[in-house]
Amino acid sequence: MKRRFRVWRGDETGGDLRDFEVEVNEGEVVLDIIHRLQATQAPDLACRWNCKAGKCGSCSMEINGKPRLGCMTRMSTFTPDETITITPLRTFPVIRDLVTDVSFNYEKARETPAFAPPVGVAPGEYRMQQVDVERSQEFRKCIECFLCQNTCHVVRDHEDNKEAFAGPRYFIRAAELDMHPLDARGDRKEYAQAAQGLGYCNITKCCTEVCPEHIKITDNAIIPMKERVVDRRFDPLVWLGRKIRRRDELSVDDQLTAPTAGTTASTVSVPLSSFRLPEGPPVGPDGHMDIAELAAPLQGGLSPFGEDIEFPLPPEQVTYHHPSNTRTNMAE
């Protein structure tokens, strides 16, 4: 039987949704329909794919408004009279039709510090307990489809956040290495907070919702990493211990120039706020911690999909805003 489809056609300069009627057979997936559409009606339709088995992550797209893999979305999940709307990933620049430029993710991958071999242990001599292997095994299931990156509203809705925010895919990488008993780097948590923008995440779990490998990104990676950062940075006993130790390590000249009782350090003059975007390391160049790091609470936000949204979306509610148009409006 024939089914109705709306497919986004265009390139970096713009485009629109085109209507098609395509033959659908029993047991087929959305990627099958795209291939039939290419063979029968739109030979120039661009779509990225590779394995068609849900393991390469290439055929990422948005189907009825939800980020999904084309090869893992069966046509049987839609009603016979339903119009299926297919659009490219909204977070990344369009190259052509359903193909987007995901190089942002590879740039973040290069910035992530690699595994650091343990000192004094030669390759081939690494030994791990099975329990340590199992702790991070879940995160190695990632197929880098970048659906979690696409749905994360920190970069989806705010283009200027991309420079400071690595995204959920690289938070699970940081968590995996932080759990690794042989990794020689001891600053994974600090790096995730200071350089990868861990504090920007307000754990709405939208990344977990769209993961085709069912990785518990938020519960098993991001939240534990945030808890470890809080333990190191916000625990009042740890903070006091660091202050005492740092004071003991100051030289005599430093102690003479340090603020005396009754005076206020420049770093403490920052006004408190009920909401604060994540900043850099809490310790300033003078060795003092901003009081806002202890007193200002971090607030969570709503899911970008909303709490009352059910998928798939009705066709009339599916919209696609071309990235170039968004940037033009922001510039104006």
C-alpha atoms as a PDB file:
ATOM      1  CA  MET A   1       0.000   0.000   0.000  1.00  0.00           C
ATOM      2  CA  LYS A   2       1.053   3.592  -0.546  1.00  0.00           C
ATOM      3  CA  ARG A   3       1.795   5.879   2.385  1.00  0.00           C
ATOM      4  CA  ARG A   4       2.171   9.651   2.608  1.00  0.00           C
ATOM      5  CA  PHE A   5       5.546  11.181   3.439  1.00  0.00           C
ATOM      6  CA  ARG A   6       6.843  14.721   3.890  1.00  0.00           C
ATOM      7  CA  VAL A   7      10.600  14.941   3.362  1.00  0.00           C
ATOM      8  CA  TRP A   8      12.740  18.030   3.793  1.00  0.00           C
ATOM      9  CA  ARG A   9      14.609  18.972   0.607  1.00  0.00           C
ATOM     10  CA  GLY A  10      17.221  21.708   0.457  1.00  0.00           C
ATOM     11  CA  ASP A  11      20.788  22.694   1.277  1.00  0.00           C
ATOM     12  CA  GLU A  12      22.698  25.257   3.350  1.00  0.00           C
ATOM     13  CA  THR A  13      20.878  28.118   1.601  1.00  0.00           C
ATOM     14  CA  GLY A  14      17.375  26.922   2.450  1.00  0.00           C
ATOM     15  CA  GLY A  15      14.658  24.443   1.516  1.00  0.00           C
ATOM     16  CA  ASP A  16      11.208  23.159   2.356  1.00  0.00           C
ATOM     17  CA  LEU A  17       9.130  20.036   2.998  1.00  0.00           C
ATOM     18  CA  ARG A  18       8.010  18.083  -0.093  1.00  0.00           C
ATOM     19  CA  ASP A  19       5.095  15.646  -0.197  1.00  0.00           C
ATOM     20  CA  PHE A  20       5.494  12.123  -1.598  1.00  0.00           C
ATOM     21  CA  GLU A  21       3.450   8.946  -1.841  1.00  0.00           C
ATOM     22  CA  VAL A  22       5.614   5.839  -1.608  1.00  0.00           C
ATOM     23  CA  GLU A  23       4.842   2.125  -1.678  1.00  0.00           C
ATOM     24  CA  VAL A  24       5.365   0.473   1.729  1.00  0.00           C
ATOM     25  CA  ASN A  25       5.722  -3.269   2.265  1.00  0.00           C
ATOM     26  CA  GLU A  26       5.340  -5.274   5.434  1.00  0.00           C
ATOM     27  CA  GLY A  27       8.374  -5.284   7.765  1.00  0.00           C
ATOM     28  CA  GLU A  28      10.090  -2.262   6.226  1.00  0.00           C
ATOM     29  CA  VAL A  29      11.797   0.571   8.061  1.00  0.00           C
ATOM     30  CA  VAL A  30      11.962   4.275   7.263  1.00  0.00           C
ATOM     31  CA  LEU A  31      15.366   3.885   5.610  1.00  0.00           C
ATOM     32  CA  ASP A  32      13.826   1.365   3.173  1.00  0.00           C
ATOM     33  CA  ILE A  33      11.275   3.979   2.181  1.00  0.00           C
ATOM     34  CA  ILE A  34      13.980   6.585   1.635  1.00  0.00           C
ATOM     35  CA  HIS A  35      15.836   4.162  -0.641  1.00  0.00           C
ATOM     36  CA  ARG A  36      12.632   3.445  -2.608  1.00  0.00           C
ATOM     37  CA  LEU A  37      11.992   7.170  -2.837  1.00  0.00           C
ATOM     38  CA  GLN A  38      15.481   7.651  -4.266  1.00  0.00           C
ATOM     39  CA  ALA A  39      14.923   4.841  -6.760  1.00  0.00           C
ATOM     40  CA  THR A  40      11.505   5.945  -7.984  1.00  0.00           C
ATOM     41  CA  GLN A  41      10.856   9.648  -7.464  1.00  0.00           C
ATOM     42  CA  ALA A  42      13.816  11.616  -6.069  1.00  0.00           C
ATOM     43  CA  PRO A  43      17.135  10.210  -7.317  1.00  0.00           C
ATOM     44  CA  ASP A  44      19.014  13.259  -6.030  1.00  0.00           C
ATOM     45  CA  LEU A  45      17.739  12.916  -2.436  1.00  0.00           C
ATOM     46  CA  ALA A  46      20.760  12.911  -0.115  1.00  0.00           C
ATOM     47  CA  CYS A  47      20.754  10.616   2.908  1.00  0.00           C
ATOM     48  CA  ARG A  48      23.696   9.299   4.922  1.00  0.00           C
ATOM     49  CA  TRP A  49      23.664   5.576   5.821  1.00  0.00           C
ATOM     50  CA  ASN A  50      26.015   2.631   6.051  1.00  0.00           C
ATOM     51  CA  CYS A  51      25.168  -0.595   7.881  1.00  0.00           C
ATOM     52  CA  LYS A  52      21.344  -0.570   8.024  1.00  0.00           C
ATOM     53  CA  ALA A  53      21.657  -2.597  11.231  1.00  0.00           C
ATOM     54  CA  GLY A  54      21.538   0.072  13.942  1.00  0.00           C
ATOM     55  CA  LYS A  55      25.271  -0.097  14.640  1.00  0.00           C
ATOM     56  CA  CYS A  56      26.947   2.614  12.544  1.00  0.00           C
ATOM     57  CA  GLY A  57      24.799   5.567  13.636  1.00  0.00           C
ATOM     58  CA  SER A  58      24.918   7.108  10.157  1.00  0.00           C
ATOM     59  CA  CYS A  59      21.202   7.372   9.328  1.00  0.00           C
ATOM     60  CA  SER A  60      20.327   9.784  12.129  1.00  0.00           C
ATOM     61  CA  MET A  61      17.346  11.971  11.284  1.00  0.00           C
ATOM     62  CA  GLU A  62      14.208  13.393  12.863  1.00  0.00           C
ATOM     63  CA  ILE A  63      11.047  11.399  12.203  1.00  0.00           C
ATOM     64  CA  ASN A  64       7.805  13.138  13.139  1.00  0.00           C
ATOM     65  CA  GLY A  65       9.846  15.532  15.241  1.00  0.00           C
ATOM     66  CA  LYS A  66      11.791  12.954  17.256  1.00  0.00           C
ATOM     67  CA  PRO A  67      15.505  12.184  16.679  1.00  0.00           C
ATOM     68  CA  ARG A  68      15.743   8.561  15.573  1.00  0.00           C
ATOM     69  CA  LEU A  69      17.701   6.141  13.393  1.00  0.00           C
ATOM     70  CA  GLY A  70      16.029   5.574  10.031  1.00  0.00           C
ATOM     71  CA  CYS A  71      17.076   1.919   9.970  1.00  0.00           C
ATOM     72  CA  MET A  72      15.601   1.205  13.415  1.00  0.00           C
ATOM     73  CA  THR A  73      12.225   2.908  12.958  1.00  0.00           C
ATOM     74  CA  ARG A  74       9.704   0.409  11.641  1.00  0.00           C
ATOM     75  CA  MET A  75       6.824   1.572   9.497  1.00  0.00           C
ATOM     76  CA  SER A  76       4.498  -0.615  11.563  1.00  0.00           C
ATOM     77  CA  THR A  77       4.806   1.887  14.417  1.00  0.00           C
ATOM     78  CA  PHE A  78       2.767   4.414  12.411  1.00  0.00           C
ATOM     79  CA  THR A  79      -0.951   4.221  11.638  1.00  0.00           C
ATOM     80  CA  PRO A  80      -1.916   3.583   7.983  1.00  0.00           C
ATOM     81  CA  ASP A  81      -3.468   7.037   7.550  1.00  0.00           C
ATOM     82  CA  GLU A  82      -0.568   8.884   9.189  1.00  0.00           C
ATOM     83  CA  THR A  83       1.751  11.230   7.295  1.00  0.00           C
ATOM     84  CA  ILE A  84       5.400  10.588   8.205  1.00  0.00           C
ATOM     85  CA  THR A  85       7.540  13.716   8.267  1.00  0.00           C
ATOM     86  CA  ILE A  86      11.306  13.280   7.867  1.00  0.00           C
ATOM     87  CA  THR A  87      13.709  16.154   8.530  1.00  0.00           C
ATOM     88  CA  PRO A  88      17.471  16.465   9.122  1.00  0.00           C
ATOM     89  CA  LEU A  89      19.035  16.778  12.566  1.00  0.00           C
ATOM     90  CA  ARG A  90      18.100  20.239  13.740  1.00  0.00           C
ATOM     91  CA  THR A  91      21.176  21.025  15.839  1.00  0.00           C
ATOM     92  CA  PHE A  92      23.758  20.750  13.065  1.00  0.00           C
ATOM     93  CA  PRO A  93      24.201  22.722   9.809  1.00  0.00           C
ATOM     94  CA  VAL A  94      22.527  21.240   6.748  1.00  0.00           C
ATOM     95  CA  ILE A  95      24.752  20.089   3.909  1.00  0.00           C
ATOM     96  CA  ARG A  96      21.980  18.779   1.693  1.00  0.00           C
ATOM     97  CA  ASP A  97      18.545  17.251   2.272  1.00  0.00           C
ATOM     98  CA  LEU A  98      18.855  14.840   5.236  1.00  0.00           C
ATOM     99  CA  VAL A  99      22.655  15.104   5.509  1.00  0.00           C
ATOM    100  CA  THR A 100      24.048  17.429   8.190  1.00  0.00           C
ATOM    101  CA  ASP A 101      27.540  18.568   9.110  1.00  0.00           C
ATOM    102  CA  VAL A 102      28.327  16.801  12.399  1.00  0.00           C
ATOM    103  CA  SER A 103      31.991  17.835  12.498  1.00  0.00           C
ATOM    104  CA  PHE A 104      31.269  19.648  15.780  1.00  0.00           C
ATOM    105  CA  ASN A 105      31.229  16.249  17.464  1.00  0.00           C
ATOM    106  CA  TYR A 106      34.579  15.189  16.039  1.00  0.00           C
ATOM    107  CA  GLU A 107      36.136  18.462  17.168  1.00  0.00           C
ATOM    108  CA  LYS A 108      34.915  17.750  20.704  1.00  0.00           C
ATOM    109  CA  ALA A 109      36.275  14.210  20.433  1.00  0.00           C
ATOM    110  CA  ARG A 110      39.738  15.555  19.587  1.00  0.00           C
ATOM    111  CA  GLU A 111      39.578  17.939  22.544  1.00  0.00           C
ATOM    112  CA  THR A 112      38.754  15.127  25.006  1.00  0.00           C
ATOM    113  CA  PRO A 113      41.953  13.855  26.690  1.00  0.00           C
ATOM    114  CA  ALA A 114      42.685  10.279  25.698  1.00  0.00           C
ATOM    115  CA  PHE A 115      43.325   7.376  28.034  1.00  0.00           C
ATOM    116  CA  ALA A 116      46.611   7.911  29.889  1.00  0.00           C
ATOM    117  CA  PRO A 117      48.558   4.655  30.405  1.00  0.00           C
ATOM    118  CA  PRO A 118      49.564   3.915  33.996  1.00  0.00           C
ATOM    119  CA  VAL A 119      53.117   4.857  34.892  1.00  0.00           C
ATOM    120  CA  GLY A 120      55.506   1.943  35.121  1.00  0.00           C
ATOM    121  CA  VAL A 121      53.198  -0.584  33.461  1.00  0.00           C
ATOM    122  CA  ALA A 122      54.099  -1.771  29.982  1.00  0.00           C
ATOM    123  CA  PRO A 123      51.480  -2.462  27.284  1.00  0.00           C
ATOM    124  CA  GLY A 124      50.284  -6.035  27.644  1.00  0.00           C
ATOM    125  CA  GLU A 125      50.649  -5.915  31.407  1.00  0.00           C
ATOM    126  CA  TYR A 126      47.439  -4.002  32.088  1.00  0.00           C
ATOM    127  CA  ARG A 127      45.175  -5.943  34.437  1.00  0.00           C
ATOM    128  CA  MET A 128      41.612  -5.099  35.456  1.00  0.00           C
ATOM    129  CA  GLN A 129      39.035  -6.814  37.603  1.00  0.00           C
ATOM    130  CA  GLN A 130      35.856  -7.875  35.810  1.00  0.00           C
ATOM    131  CA  VAL A 131      33.787  -5.610  38.033  1.00  0.00           C
ATOM    132  CA  ASP A 132      35.812  -2.608  36.786  1.00  0.00           C
ATOM    133  CA  VAL A 133      35.268  -3.668  33.185  1.00  0.00           C
ATOM    134  CA  GLU A 134      31.524  -3.942  33.708  1.00  0.00           C
ATOM    135  CA  ARG A 135      31.241  -0.497  35.299  1.00  0.00           C
ATOM    136  CA  SER A 136      32.079   1.301  32.055  1.00  0.00           C
ATOM    137  CA  GLN A 137      31.003  -1.360  29.556  1.00  0.00           C
ATOM    138  CA  GLU A 138      27.630   0.323  29.067  1.00  0.00           C
ATOM    139  CA  PHE A 139      29.242   3.500  27.742  1.00  0.00           C
ATOM    140  CA  ARG A 140      31.216   1.567  25.123  1.00  0.00           C
ATOM    141  CA  LYS A 141      27.957   0.606  23.424  1.00  0.00           C
ATOM    142  CA  CYS A 142      27.770   4.149  21.983  1.00  0.00           C
ATOM    143  CA  ILE A 143      27.527   4.047  18.169  1.00  0.00           C
ATOM    144  CA  GLU A 144      28.067   7.819  17.822  1.00  0.00           C
ATOM    145  CA  CYS A 145      24.793   8.464  16.081  1.00  0.00           C
ATOM    146  CA  PHE A 146      24.850  11.878  17.818  1.00  0.00           C
ATOM    147  CA  LEU A 147      21.128  11.768  18.519  1.00  0.00           C
ATOM    148  CA  CYS A 148      21.898  12.713  22.123  1.00  0.00           C
ATOM    149  CA  GLN A 149      23.982  15.641  20.912  1.00  0.00           C
ATOM    150  CA  ASN A 150      21.172  16.697  18.596  1.00  0.00           C
ATOM    151  CA  THR A 151      18.429  16.616  21.218  1.00  0.00           C
ATOM    152  CA  CYS A 152      20.458  18.309  23.968  1.00  0.00           C
ATOM    153  CA  HIS A 153      18.838  21.723  24.277  1.00  0.00           C
ATOM    154  CA  VAL A 154      22.051  23.311  25.571  1.00  0.00           C
ATOM    155  CA  VAL A 155      23.366  23.325  21.989  1.00  0.00           C
ATOM    156  CA  ARG A 156      20.096  22.746  20.144  1.00  0.00           C
ATOM    157  CA  ASP A 157      18.599  26.034  21.292  1.00  0.00           C
ATOM    158  CA  HIS A 158      21.776  28.047  21.900  1.00  0.00           C
ATOM    159  CA  GLU A 159      24.336  28.058  19.102  1.00  0.00           C
ATOM    160  CA  ASP A 160      26.791  30.128  21.140  1.00  0.00           C
ATOM    161  CA  ASN A 161      27.074  27.333  23.744  1.00  0.00           C
ATOM    162  CA  LYS A 162      28.821  24.962  21.350  1.00  0.00           C
ATOM    163  CA  GLU A 163      32.286  26.335  22.032  1.00  0.00           C
ATOM    164  CA  ALA A 164      32.083  25.648  25.777  1.00  0.00           C
ATOM    165  CA  PHE A 165      29.886  22.531  25.798  1.00  0.00           C
ATOM    166  CA  ALA A 166      31.006  19.042  24.757  1.00  0.00           C
ATOM    167  CA  GLY A 167      27.624  17.344  25.076  1.00  0.00           C
ATOM    168  CA  PRO A 168      26.309  14.061  26.516  1.00  0.00           C
ATOM    169  CA  ARG A 169      28.265  11.822  24.153  1.00  0.00           C
ATOM    170  CA  TYR A 170      31.548  13.106  25.610  1.00  0.00           C
ATOM    171  CA  PHE A 171      30.261  13.193  29.163  1.00  0.00           C
ATOM    172  CA  ILE A 172      29.884   9.419  28.998  1.00  0.00           C
ATOM    173  CA  ARG A 173      33.423   9.245  27.631  1.00  0.00           C
ATOM    174  CA  ALA A 174      34.671  11.332  30.555  1.00  0.00           C
ATOM    175  CA  ALA A 175      32.697   9.157  32.994  1.00  0.00           C
ATOM    176  CA  GLU A 176      34.088   5.987  31.427  1.00  0.00           C
ATOM    177  CA  LEU A 177      37.679   7.167  31.799  1.00  0.00           C
ATOM    178  CA  ASP A 178      37.027   8.499  35.301  1.00  0.00           C
ATOM    179  CA  MET A 179      35.877   5.006  36.303  1.00  0.00           C
ATOM    180  CA  HIS A 180      38.850   3.345  34.625  1.00  0.00           C
ATOM    181  CA  PRO A 181      41.217   2.008  37.306  1.00  0.00           C
ATOM    182  CA  LEU A 182      44.262   2.226  35.023  1.00  0.00           C
ATOM    183  CA  ASP A 183      43.765   5.767  33.724  1.00  0.00           C
ATOM    184  CA  ALA A 184      46.657   7.877  35.012  1.00  0.00           C
ATOM    185  CA  ARG A 185      44.839  11.205  34.673  1.00  0.00           C
ATOM    186  CA  GLY A 186      43.326  12.286  37.955  1.00  0.00           C
ATOM    187  CA  ASP A 187      41.553  15.420  36.767  1.00  0.00           C
ATOM    188  CA  ARG A 188      38.730  13.956  34.659  1.00  0.00           C
ATOM    189  CA  LYS A 189      36.067  15.502  36.883  1.00  0.00           C
ATOM    190  CA  GLU A 190      37.741  18.900  36.974  1.00  0.00           C
ATOM    191  CA  TYR A 191      38.271  18.848  33.212  1.00  0.00           C
ATOM    192  CA  ALA A 192      34.641  17.899  32.571  1.00  0.00           C
ATOM    193  CA  GLN A 193      33.489  20.829  34.692  1.00  0.00           C
ATOM    194  CA  ALA A 194      35.979  23.441  33.505  1.00  0.00           C
ATOM    195  CA  ALA A 195      36.499  22.570  29.820  1.00  0.00           C
ATOM    196  CA  GLN A 196      33.578  20.368  28.737  1.00  0.00           C
ATOM    197  CA  GLY A 197      30.755  22.394  30.276  1.00  0.00           C
ATOM    198  CA  LEU A 198      29.383  19.706  32.583  1.00  0.00           C
ATOM    199  CA  GLY A 199      27.687  22.383  34.682  1.00  0.00           C
ATOM    200  CA  TYR A 200      25.558  23.500  31.727  1.00  0.00           C
ATOM    201  CA  CYS A 201      23.661  20.191  31.780  1.00  0.00           C
ATOM    202  CA  ASN A 202      20.503  20.367  33.883  1.00  0.00           C
ATOM    203  CA  ILE A 203      19.776  16.618  33.606  1.00  0.00           C
ATOM    204  CA  THR A 204      16.453  16.701  31.752  1.00  0.00           C
ATOM    205  CA  LYS A 205      17.247  13.176  30.434  1.00  0.00           C
ATOM    206  CA  CYS A 206      16.278  14.053  26.864  1.00  0.00           C
ATOM    207  CA  CYS A 207      19.568  12.483  25.708  1.00  0.00           C
ATOM    208  CA  THR A 208      18.675   9.205  27.410  1.00  0.00           C
ATOM    209  CA  GLU A 209      15.221   9.241  25.813  1.00  0.00           C
ATOM    210  CA  VAL A 210      16.588   9.173  22.261  1.00  0.00           C
ATOM    211  CA  CYS A 211      19.587   6.833  22.711  1.00  0.00           C
ATOM    212  CA  PRO A 212      19.096   3.822  20.376  1.00  0.00           C
ATOM    213  CA  GLU A 213      21.477   1.739  22.512  1.00  0.00           C
ATOM    214  CA  HIS A 214      19.446   2.509  25.664  1.00  0.00           C
ATOM    215  CA  ILE A 215      22.480   3.864  27.503  1.00  0.00           C
ATOM    216  CA  LYS A 216      21.479   5.486  30.792  1.00  0.00           C
ATOM    217  CA  ILE A 217      23.437   8.617  29.894  1.00  0.00           C
ATOM    218  CA  THR A 218      21.981  10.820  32.595  1.00  0.00           C
ATOM    219  CA  ASP A 219      21.574   8.364  35.458  1.00  0.00           C
ATOM    220  CA  ASN A 220      24.801   6.397  35.032  1.00  0.00           C
ATOM    221  CA  ALA A 221      27.215   8.997  33.646  1.00  0.00           C
ATOM    222  CA  ILE A 222      26.209  12.643  33.984  1.00  0.00           C
ATOM    223  CA  ILE A 223      24.644  12.554  37.453  1.00  0.00           C
ATOM    224  CA  PRO A 224      27.525  10.540  39.009  1.00  0.00           C
ATOM    225  CA  MET A 225      30.030  12.934  37.421  1.00  0.00           C
ATOM    226  CA  LYS A 226      28.129  15.901  38.785  1.00  0.00           C
ATOM    227  CA  GLU A 227      28.039  14.302  42.234  1.00  0.00           C
ATOM    228  CA  ARG A 228      31.800  13.779  42.190  1.00  0.00           C
ATOM    229  CA  VAL A 229      32.342  17.388  41.150  1.00  0.00           C
ATOM    230  CA  VAL A 230      30.060  18.557  43.959  1.00  0.00           C
ATOM    231  CA  ASP A 231      31.956  16.409  46.453  1.00  0.00           C
ATOM    232  CA  ARG A 232      35.222  17.992  45.390  1.00  0.00           C
ATOM    233  CA  ARG A 233      34.018  21.573  44.953  1.00  0.00           C
ATOM    234  CA  PHE A 234      30.972  22.203  47.118  1.00  0.00           C
ATOM    235  CA  ASP A 235      31.284  19.974  50.191  1.00  0.00           C
ATOM    236  CA  PRO A 236      31.863  22.501  53.017  1.00  0.00           C
ATOM    237  CA  LEU A 237      34.262  20.196  54.882  1.00  0.00           C
ATOM    238  CA  VAL A 238      36.350  19.598  51.770  1.00  0.00           C
ATOM    239  CA  TRP A 239      36.254  23.322  51.008  1.00  0.00           C
ATOM    240  CA  LEU A 240      37.385  24.186  54.547  1.00  0.00           C
ATOM    241  CA  GLY A 241      40.153  21.582  54.421  1.00  0.00           C
ATOM    242  CA  ARG A 242      41.435  23.013  51.169  1.00  0.00           C
ATOM    243  CA  LYS A 243      41.343  26.537  52.560  1.00  0.00           C
ATOM    244  CA  ILE A 244      43.318  25.487  55.637  1.00  0.00           C
ATOM    245  CA  ARG A 245      45.865  23.550  53.604  1.00  0.00           C
ATOM    246  CA  ARG A 246      46.221  26.349  51.101  1.00  0.00           C
ATOM    247  CA  ARG A 247      46.731  28.836  53.917  1.00  0.00           C
ATOM    248  CA  ASP A 248      49.437  26.622  55.431  1.00  0.00           C
ATOM    249  CA  GLU A 249      51.179  26.439  52.057  1.00  0.00           C
ATOM    250  CA  LEU A 250      51.255  30.210  51.551  1.00  0.00           C
ATOM    251  CA  SER A 251      54.645  31.866  51.891  1.00  0.00           C
ATOM    252  CA  VAL A 252      55.261  34.552  54.503  1.00  0.00           C
ATOM    253  CA  ASP A 253      55.049  37.275  51.824  1.00  0.00           C
ATOM    254  CA  ASP A 254      51.720  35.883  50.604  1.00  0.00           C
ATOM    255  CA  GLN A 255      50.322  35.920  54.125  1.00  0.00           C
ATOM    256  CA  LEU A 256      51.367  39.538  54.569  1.00  0.00           C
ATOM    257  CA  THR A 257      49.536  40.567  51.403  1.00  0.00           C
ATOM    258  CA  ALA A 258      46.466  38.368  51.972  1.00  0.00           C
ATOM    259  CA  PRO A 259      43.172  40.094  52.938  1.00  0.00           C
ATOM    260  CA  THR A 260      42.942  40.606  56.679  1.00  0.00           C
ATOM    261  CA  ALA A 261      39.919  40.035  58.908  1.00  0.00           C
ATOM    262  CA  GLY A 262      37.143  42.523  58.235  1.00  0.00           C
ATOM    263  CA  THR A 263      38.104  43.103  54.613  1.00  0.00           C
ATOM    264  CA  THR A 264      36.394  41.629  51.618  1.00  0.00           C
ATOM    265  CA  ALA A 265      38.300  39.902  48.855  1.00  0.00           C
ATOM    266  CA  SER A 266      37.501  40.930  45.312  1.00  0.00           C
ATOM    267  CA  THR A 267      36.278  37.437  44.473  1.00  0.00           C
ATOM    268  CA  VAL A 268      33.599  37.596  47.169  1.00  0.00           C
ATOM    269  CA  SER A 269      31.985  40.725  45.740  1.00  0.00           C
ATOM    270  CA  VAL A 270      30.117  38.818  43.043  1.00  0.00           C
ATOM    271  CA  PRO A 271      26.364  39.299  43.609  1.00  0.00           C
ATOM    272  CA  LEU A 272      24.483  36.143  44.485  1.00  0.00           C
ATOM    273  CA  SER A 273      21.769  34.923  42.156  1.00  0.00           C
ATOM    274  CA  SER A 274      19.098  32.244  42.230  1.00  0.00           C
ATOM    275  CA  PHE A 275      20.335  31.037  38.843  1.00  0.00           C
ATOM    276  CA  ARG A 276      23.870  31.040  37.533  1.00  0.00           C
ATOM    277  CA  LEU A 277      25.393  29.638  34.376  1.00  0.00           C
ATOM    278  CA  PRO A 278      28.413  27.404  34.938  1.00  0.00           C
ATOM    279  CA  GLU A 279      31.711  29.191  35.139  1.00  0.00           C
ATOM    280  CA  GLY A 280      35.356  28.204  35.128  1.00  0.00           C
ATOM    281  CA  PRO A 281      37.261  26.654  38.023  1.00  0.00           C
ATOM    282  CA  PRO A 282      36.052  27.969  41.394  1.00  0.00           C
ATOM    283  CA  VAL A 283      39.520  28.948  42.565  1.00  0.00           C
ATOM    284  CA  GLY A 284      40.661  32.286  41.194  1.00  0.00           C
ATOM    285  CA  PRO A 285      44.193  33.366  40.300  1.00  0.00           C
ATOM    286  CA  ASP A 286      44.687  34.572  43.871  1.00  0.00           C
ATOM    287  CA  GLY A 287      43.887  31.129  45.288  1.00  0.00           C
ATOM    288  CA  HIS A 288      40.495  32.090  46.719  1.00  0.00           C
ATOM    289  CA  MET A 289      37.151  30.456  46.011  1.00  0.00           C
ATOM    290  CA  ASP A 290      34.189  32.553  44.889  1.00  0.00           C
ATOM    291  CA  ILE A 291      31.560  32.497  47.625  1.00  0.00           C
ATOM    292  CA  ALA A 292      28.911  32.093  44.912  1.00  0.00           C
ATOM    293  CA  GLU A 293      30.328  28.621  44.274  1.00  0.00           C
ATOM    294  CA  LEU A 294      29.026  27.624  47.693  1.00  0.00           C
ATOM    295  CA  ALA A 295      25.871  29.686  48.059  1.00  0.00           C
ATOM    296  CA  ALA A 296      24.233  29.826  44.607  1.00  0.00           C
ATOM    297  CA  PRO A 297      21.958  26.849  43.857  1.00  0.00           C
ATOM    298  CA  LEU A 298      21.847  25.365  40.371  1.00  0.00           C
ATOM    299  CA  GLN A 299      18.368  24.949  38.953  1.00  0.00           C
ATOM    300  CA  GLY A 300      17.144  22.370  36.479  1.00  0.00           C
ATOM    301  CA  GLY A 301      15.030  23.111  33.450  1.00  0.00           C
ATOM    302  CA  LEU A 302      12.194  21.516  31.569  1.00  0.00           C
ATOM    303  CA  SER A 303      12.747  19.072  28.766  1.00  0.00           C
ATOM    304  CA  PRO A 304      12.876  20.786  25.338  1.00  0.00           C
ATOM    305  CA  PHE A 305      10.070  18.456  24.286  1.00  0.00           C
ATOM    306  CA  GLY A 306       7.896  19.478  27.247  1.00  0.00           C
ATOM    307  CA  GLU A 307       6.245  17.247  29.798  1.00  0.00           C
ATOM    308  CA  ASP A 308       3.001  16.752  27.854  1.00  0.00           C
ATOM    309  CA  ILE A 309       4.451  15.816  24.455  1.00  0.00           C
ATOM    310  CA  GLU A 310       3.915  12.318  23.100  1.00  0.00           C
ATOM    311  CA  PHE A 311       5.658  10.890  20.061  1.00  0.00           C
ATOM    312  CA  PRO A 312       5.183  10.629  17.193  1.00  0.00           C
ATOM    313  CA  LEU A 313       4.007  14.211  16.731  1.00  0.00           C
ATOM    314  CA  PRO A 314       1.033  14.941  14.463  1.00  0.00           C
ATOM    315  CA  PRO A 315       2.299  16.100  11.015  1.00  0.00           C
ATOM    316  CA  GLU A 316       0.776  19.560  11.430  1.00  0.00           C
ATOM    317  CA  GLN A 317       2.921  20.102  14.543  1.00  0.00           C
ATOM    318  CA  VAL A 318       6.214  19.155  12.940  1.00  0.00           C
ATOM    319  CA  THR A 319       8.283  22.140  11.875  1.00  0.00           C
ATOM    320  CA  TYR A 320      11.839  22.544  10.752  1.00  0.00           C
ATOM    321  CA  HIS A 321      13.761  25.796  11.060  1.00  0.00           C
ATOM    322  CA  HIS A 322      16.750  25.946   8.794  1.00  0.00           C
ATOM    323  CA  PRO A 323      19.963  26.765  10.764  1.00  0.00           C
ATOM    324  CA  SER A 324      20.910  29.535   8.339  1.00  0.00           C
ATOM    325  CA  ASN A 325      17.597  31.303   8.924  1.00  0.00           C
ATOM    326  CA  THR A 326      18.044  30.997  12.686  1.00  0.00           C
ATOM    327  CA  ARG A 327      21.510  32.529  12.532  1.00  0.00           C
ATOM    328  CA  THR A 328      20.204  35.358  10.328  1.00  0.00           C
ATOM    329  CA  ASN A 329      17.450  36.164  12.797  1.00  0.00           C
ATOM    330  CA  MET A 330      19.950  36.115  15.687  1.00  0.00           C
ATOM    331  CA  ALA A 331      22.222  38.508  13.814  1.00  0.00           C
ATOM    332  CA  GLU A 332      19.376  40.920  13.247  1.00  0.00           C
END
